[in-house]
């Protein structure tokens, strides 16, 4: 087996055993996290009155 064939075989094997979890596959935990951030951001914007800068 040549070095190139071994390299290609290792790439194929690695691709088949890949266990990285992509962001869109995390499900309910990710949706809950996004909802908390959005609620915190919306609450902050709604309660703070704009203030003028002082010199």
PDB file of N, CA and C in Angstrom:
ATOM      1  N   UNK A   1       0.846  -1.172   0.000  1.00  0.00           N
ATOM      2  CA  UNK A   1       0.000   0.000   0.000  1.00  0.00           C
ATOM      3  C   UNK A   1       0.897   1.243   0.000  1.00  0.00           C
ATOM      4  N   UNK A   2       0.615   2.172  -0.883  1.00  0.00           N
ATOM      5  CA  UNK A   2       1.427   3.377  -0.956  1.00  0.00           C
ATOM      6  C   UNK A   2       0.986   4.370   0.111  1.00  0.00           C
ATOM      7  N   UNK A   3       1.803   5.374   0.316  1.00  0.00           N
ATOM      8  CA  UNK A   3       1.499   6.392   1.321  1.00  0.00           C
ATOM      9  C   UNK A   3       0.216   7.140   0.966  1.00  0.00           C
ATOM     10  N   UNK A   4       0.017   7.383  -0.316  1.00  0.00           N
ATOM     11  CA  UNK A   4      -1.174   8.116  -0.750  1.00  0.00           C
ATOM     12  C   UNK A   4      -2.443   7.303  -0.459  1.00  0.00           C
ATOM     13  N   UNK A   5      -2.406   6.004  -0.702  1.00  0.00           N
ATOM     14  CA  UNK A   5      -3.561   5.142  -0.447  1.00  0.00           C
ATOM     15  C   UNK A   5      -3.859   5.081   1.046  1.00  0.00           C
ATOM     16  N   UNK A   6      -2.814   4.956   1.869  1.00  0.00           N
ATOM     17  CA  UNK A   6      -3.021   4.940   3.323  1.00  0.00           C
ATOM     18  C   UNK A   6      -3.630   6.246   3.797  1.00  0.00           C
ATOM     19  N   UNK A   7      -3.150   7.350   3.250  1.00  0.00           N
ATOM     20  CA  UNK A   7      -3.667   8.670   3.620  1.00  0.00           C
ATOM     21  C   UNK A   7      -5.148   8.783   3.273  1.00  0.00           C
ATOM     22  N   UNK A   8      -5.497   8.375   2.064  1.00  0.00           N
ATOM     23  CA  UNK A   8      -6.902   8.444   1.649  1.00  0.00           C
ATOM     24  C   UNK A   8      -7.776   7.517   2.494  1.00  0.00           C
ATOM     25  N   UNK A   9      -7.273   6.337   2.799  1.00  0.00           N
ATOM     26  CA  UNK A   9      -8.036   5.417   3.651  1.00  0.00           C
ATOM     27  C   UNK A   9      -8.242   5.997   5.044  1.00  0.00           C
ATOM     28  N   UNK A  10      -7.237   6.676   5.577  1.00  0.00           N
ATOM     29  CA  UNK A  10      -7.385   7.272   6.910  1.00  0.00           C
ATOM     30  C   UNK A  10      -8.407   8.405   6.887  1.00  0.00           C
ATOM     31  N   UNK A  11      -8.464   9.156   5.794  1.00  0.00           N
ATOM     32  CA  UNK A  11      -9.449  10.226   5.664  1.00  0.00           C
ATOM     33  C   UNK A  11     -10.859   9.645   5.620  1.00  0.00           C
ATOM     34  N   UNK A  12     -11.056   8.605   4.846  1.00  0.00           N
ATOM     35  CA  UNK A  12     -12.370   7.965   4.736  1.00  0.00           C
ATOM     36  C   UNK A  12     -12.795   7.393   6.085  1.00  0.00           C
ATOM     37  N   UNK A  13     -11.885   6.723   6.769  1.00  0.00           N
ATOM     38  CA  UNK A  13     -12.191   6.158   8.086  1.00  0.00           C
ATOM     39  C   UNK A  13     -12.541   7.254   9.073  1.00  0.00           C
ATOM     40  N   UNK A  14     -11.793   8.321   9.061  1.00  0.00           N
ATOM     41  CA  UNK A  14     -12.050   9.447   9.957  1.00  0.00           C
ATOM     42  C   UNK A  14     -13.411  10.071   9.676  1.00  0.00           C
ATOM     43  N   UNK A  15     -13.760  10.221   8.425  1.00  0.00           N
ATOM     44  CA  UNK A  15     -15.050  10.812   8.058  1.00  0.00           C
ATOM     45  C   UNK A  15     -16.220   9.935   8.505  1.00  0.00           C
ATOM     46  N   UNK A  16     -16.032   8.628   8.453  1.00  0.00           N
ATOM     47  CA  UNK A  16     -17.102   7.715   8.862  1.00  0.00           C
ATOM     48  C   UNK A  16     -17.315   7.715  10.370  1.00  0.00           C
ATOM     49  N   UNK A  17     -16.270   7.978  11.143  1.00  0.00           N
ATOM     50  CA  UNK A  17     -16.368   7.931  12.594  1.00  0.00           C
ATOM     51  C   UNK A  17     -16.463   9.310  13.222  1.00  0.00           C
ATOM     52  N   UNK A  18     -16.748  10.310  12.456  1.00  0.00           N
ATOM     53  CA  UNK A  18     -16.811  11.672  12.962  1.00  0.00           C
ATOM     54  C   UNK A  18     -17.950  11.799  13.963  1.00  0.00           C
ATOM     55  N   UNK A  19     -17.659  12.344  15.139  1.00  0.00           N
ATOM     56  CA  UNK A  19     -18.664  12.460  16.184  1.00  0.00           C
ATOM     57  C   UNK A  19     -18.872  13.906  16.658  1.00  0.00           C
ATOM     58  N   UNK A  20     -18.557  14.852  15.814  1.00  0.00           N
ATOM     59  CA  UNK A  20     -18.752  16.253  16.153  1.00  0.00           C
ATOM     60  C   UNK A  20     -20.242  16.576  16.096  1.00  0.00           C
ATOM     61  N   UNK A  21     -20.731  17.249  17.127  1.00  0.00           N
ATOM     62  CA  UNK A  21     -22.143  17.624  17.167  1.00  0.00           C
ATOM     63  C   UNK A  21     -22.280  19.022  16.571  1.00  0.00           C
ATOM     64  N   UNK A  22     -23.029  19.124  15.519  1.00  0.00           N
ATOM     65  CA  UNK A  22     -23.228  20.405  14.864  1.00  0.00           C
ATOM     66  C   UNK A  22     -24.280  21.215  15.618  1.00  0.00           C
ATOM     67  N   UNK A  23     -24.213  22.550  15.539  1.00  0.00           N
ATOM     68  CA  UNK A  23     -25.125  23.390  16.320  1.00  0.00           C
ATOM     69  C   UNK A  23     -26.602  23.096  16.089  1.00  0.00           C
ATOM     70  N   UNK A  24     -26.976  22.771  14.872  1.00  0.00           N
ATOM     71  CA  UNK A  24     -28.394  22.565  14.588  1.00  0.00           C
ATOM     72  C   UNK A  24     -28.888  21.199  15.045  1.00  0.00           C
ATOM     73  N   UNK A  25     -28.013  20.352  15.547  1.00  0.00           N
ATOM     74  CA  UNK A  25     -28.442  19.040  16.030  1.00  0.00           C
ATOM     75  C   UNK A  25     -28.540  18.975  17.539  1.00  0.00           C
ATOM     76  N   UNK A  26     -28.294  20.057  18.244  1.00  0.00           N
ATOM     77  CA  UNK A  26     -28.299  20.026  19.704  1.00  0.00           C
ATOM     78  C   UNK A  26     -29.691  20.087  20.291  1.00  0.00           C
ATOM     79  N   UNK A  27     -30.661  20.483  19.508  1.00  0.00           N
ATOM     80  CA  UNK A  27     -32.046  20.371  19.915  1.00  0.00           C
ATOM     81  C   UNK A  27     -32.503  21.350  20.971  1.00  0.00           C
ATOM     82  N   UNK A  28     -33.216  20.822  21.944  1.00  0.00           N
ATOM     83  CA  UNK A  28     -33.929  21.646  22.923  1.00  0.00           C
ATOM     84  C   UNK A  28     -32.995  22.494  23.778  1.00  0.00           C
ATOM     85  N   UNK A  29     -31.839  21.999  24.133  1.00  0.00           N
ATOM     86  CA  UNK A  29     -30.910  22.782  24.958  1.00  0.00           C
ATOM     87  C   UNK A  29     -30.481  24.050  24.228  1.00  0.00           C
ATOM     88  N   UNK A  30     -30.219  23.934  22.932  1.00  0.00           N
ATOM     89  CA  UNK A  30     -29.815  25.111  22.160  1.00  0.00           C
ATOM     90  C   UNK A  30     -30.972  26.095  22.012  1.00  0.00           C
ATOM     91  N   UNK A  31     -32.162  25.577  21.738  1.00  0.00           N
ATOM     92  CA  UNK A  31     -33.324  26.469  21.606  1.00  0.00           C
ATOM     93  C   UNK A  31     -33.585  27.214  22.911  1.00  0.00           C
ATOM     94  N   UNK A  32     -33.449  26.539  24.042  1.00  0.00           N
ATOM     95  CA  UNK A  32     -33.666  27.175  25.336  1.00  0.00           C
ATOM     96  C   UNK A  32     -32.617  28.263  25.582  1.00  0.00           C
ATOM     97  N   UNK A  33     -31.378  27.992  25.220  1.00  0.00           N
ATOM     98  CA  UNK A  33     -30.311  28.969  25.393  1.00  0.00           C
ATOM     99  C   UNK A  33     -30.563  30.210  24.542  1.00  0.00           C
ATOM    100  N   UNK A  34     -30.974  30.014  23.308  1.00  0.00           N
ATOM    101  CA  UNK A  34     -31.260  31.141  22.414  1.00  0.00           C
ATOM    102  C   UNK A  34     -32.437  31.942  22.945  1.00  0.00           C
ATOM    103  N   UNK A  35     -33.469  31.269  23.441  1.00  0.00           N
ATOM    104  CA  UNK A  35     -34.644  31.955  23.984  1.00  0.00           C
ATOM    105  C   UNK A  35     -34.265  32.795  25.205  1.00  0.00           C
ATOM    106  N   UNK A  36     -33.402  32.275  26.081  1.00  0.00           N
ATOM    107  CA  UNK A  36     -32.966  33.039  27.253  1.00  0.00           C
ATOM    108  C   UNK A  36     -32.214  34.296  26.831  1.00  0.00           C
ATOM    109  N   UNK A  37     -31.331  34.163  25.846  1.00  0.00           N
ATOM    110  CA  UNK A  37     -30.584  35.344  25.385  1.00  0.00           C
ATOM    111  C   UNK A  37     -31.514  36.381  24.782  1.00  0.00           C
ATOM    112  N   UNK A  38     -32.455  35.928  23.961  1.00  0.00           N
ATOM    113  CA  UNK A  38     -33.376  36.869  23.323  1.00  0.00           C
ATOM    114  C   UNK A  38     -34.258  37.560  24.350  1.00  0.00           C
ATOM    115  N   UNK A  39     -34.752  36.821  25.352  1.00  0.00           N
ATOM    116  CA  UNK A  39     -35.584  37.423  26.392  1.00  0.00           C
ATOM    117  C   UNK A  39     -34.793  38.430  27.207  1.00  0.00           C
ATOM    118  N   UNK A  40     -33.562  38.104  27.546  1.00  0.00           N
ATOM    119  CA  UNK A  40     -32.726  39.031  28.307  1.00  0.00           C
ATOM    120  C   UNK A  40     -32.453  40.290  27.497  1.00  0.00           C
ATOM    121  N   UNK A  41     -32.204  40.128  26.217  1.00  0.00           N
ATOM    122  CA  UNK A  41     -31.921  41.269  25.356  1.00  0.00           C
ATOM    123  C   UNK A  41     -33.169  42.136  25.208  1.00  0.00           C
ATOM    124  N   UNK A  42     -34.322  41.551  25.004  1.00  0.00           N
ATOM    125  CA  UNK A  42     -35.561  42.304  24.850  1.00  0.00           C
ATOM    126  C   UNK A  42     -35.936  43.017  26.143  1.00  0.00           C
ATOM    127  N   UNK A  43     -35.751  42.363  27.288  1.00  0.00           N
ATOM    128  CA  UNK A  43     -36.081  42.983  28.574  1.00  0.00           C
ATOM    129  C   UNK A  43     -35.164  44.160  28.856  1.00  0.00           C
ATOM    130  N   UNK A  44     -33.919  44.064  28.510  1.00  0.00           N
ATOM    131  CA  UNK A  44     -32.963  45.143  28.734  1.00  0.00           C
ATOM    132  C   UNK A  44     -33.319  46.347  27.873  1.00  0.00           C
ATOM    133  N   UNK A  45     -33.659  46.128  26.642  1.00  0.00           N
ATOM    134  CA  UNK A  45     -33.984  47.230  25.746  1.00  0.00           C
ATOM    135  C   UNK A  45     -35.283  47.901  26.147  1.00  0.00           C
ATOM    136  N   UNK A  46     -36.248  47.168  26.657  1.00  0.00           N
ATOM    137  CA  UNK A  46     -37.554  47.721  26.968  1.00  0.00           C
ATOM    138  C   UNK A  46     -37.537  48.521  28.268  1.00  0.00           C
ATOM    139  N   UNK A  47     -36.689  48.184  29.234  1.00  0.00           N
ATOM    140  CA  UNK A  47     -36.735  48.840  30.545  1.00  0.00           C
ATOM    141  C   UNK A  47     -35.788  50.017  30.658  1.00  0.00           C
ATOM    142  N   UNK A  48     -34.746  50.086  29.881  1.00  0.00           N
ATOM    143  CA  UNK A  48     -33.791  51.177  30.003  1.00  0.00           C
ATOM    144  C   UNK A  48     -34.245  52.381  29.187  1.00  0.00           C
ATOM    145  N   UNK A  49     -34.300  53.517  29.858  1.00  0.00           N
ATOM    146  CA  UNK A  49     -34.650  54.758  29.169  1.00  0.00           C
ATOM    147  C   UNK A  49     -33.377  55.347  28.580  1.00  0.00           C
ATOM    148  N   UNK A  50     -33.455  55.927  27.406  1.00  0.00           N
ATOM    149  CA  UNK A  50     -32.254  56.533  26.834  1.00  0.00           C
ATOM    150  C   UNK A  50     -31.806  57.718  27.663  1.00  0.00           C
ATOM    151  N   UNK A  51     -30.520  57.833  27.888  1.00  0.00           N
ATOM    152  CA  UNK A  51     -29.982  58.937  28.680  1.00  0.00           C
ATOM    153  C   UNK A  51     -29.050  59.768  27.814  1.00  0.00           C
ATOM    154  N   UNK A  52     -29.015  61.044  28.100  1.00  0.00           N
ATOM    155  CA  UNK A  52     -28.129  61.951  27.363  1.00  0.00           C
ATOM    156  C   UNK A  52     -26.743  61.906  27.984  1.00  0.00           C
ATOM    157  N   UNK A  53     -25.751  62.052  27.170  1.00  0.00           N
ATOM    158  CA  UNK A  53     -24.384  62.077  27.672  1.00  0.00           C
ATOM    159  C   UNK A  53     -24.092  63.458  28.242  1.00  0.00           C
ATOM    160  N   UNK A  54     -23.324  63.465  29.297  1.00  0.00           N
ATOM    161  CA  UNK A  54     -22.940  64.748  29.902  1.00  0.00           C
ATOM    162  C   UNK A  54     -21.483  65.025  29.593  1.00  0.00           C
ATOM    163  N   UNK A  55     -21.185  66.259  29.440  1.00  0.00           N
ATOM    164  CA  UNK A  55     -19.826  66.659  29.115  1.00  0.00           C
ATOM    165  C   UNK A  55     -18.946  66.664  30.336  1.00  0.00           C
TER     166      UNK A  55
END
